[in-house]
Structures are given as structure tokens and as C-alpha cells.
Amino acid sequence: MPLDVLATVAVGGALGAAARYGVAVLWPTPSGHFPWTTLAVNLTGCLLLGLLMGFVNGRIAPHRLIRPFLGTGLLGGYTTFSTYAVETRGLLATDRPLLACGYVLGTLAGALTAAWLGGRLVERIVPGAFDSDRPT
């Protein structure tokens, strides 16, 4: 991997993780409660990833470092599926398997829907953004 791409991903990841930390400070989840903050972070991150992919595929942001910085770095650092897994384990450990199952499935369905919505929003802004024969 070229060093400039690696540095771009690292800077984006640090900024994304800092943003997630800021959200967790502003909206803390008390121990033993449903992890709304992580759910919100992951859903907004997936919505933004859908928007980003739509814009990148639509060749609106063609610079080669945009995708590694915003997608892999910033939004990869912002979203947190490891915390999602730990919080699911926490719900199971407190004997709430139905809530844990709802969290797993709700996050999955919500994340896919959010990414899809992001792409559809781009389609509205840039008709044909996902057309494969669109000129670059």
C-alpha cells in the first residue's frame, strides 16, 4: 500500500474515532442500558458511507485519496462494530437475550437500510450516479 494512502487512512481513522468518542461523551450509555449511542453512530456512519459511495461512483469526488480518507479512515473509525459486538455480549451477560437479538438484527437491518438510503439520496442529487456506463 502506498505510504500516502496509509497516512490518509490513519488520519481519517483518528478523526473518525475522535468523533465517535465525542458522541459517546455527549450521549453516554449508562451501564446495563440499551446502547443507543452505538446504534446511532453505526446507522449515521452507514448513511454517510452510502452517500460517499454514491458520490465516488458518480465521479463527483475523483481524487484518489478521497475514498481512503473518508470511507476507510473517517467513517471506518467513526463506526464501531467491535463495540457493537461487546455491547451485544453485555446484553447477553445480563440475561437479556431477546434484547441482544433485537440489537444485532436491528443494527444489521438499520445499517443496510441507511447505506441504501444514502445511495438513493445521491441518485436524487445526481441522477445516474450509479450507472456503470457513466463517463468518468
Foldseek 3Di string as FASTA:
>chain_A
DDPVLVVLQAVLLVQLLVVLVVLCVVPPDPQPDDPPSLLVQLLVLLLVLLLVVLCCLLVVPPDPNPCSNVPNHNSVNNHDVPVLVVVLVSCVVVVNPVSSVCSVVVSVVSSVVSSVVSNVVSCVVPPCSNPPPDDD
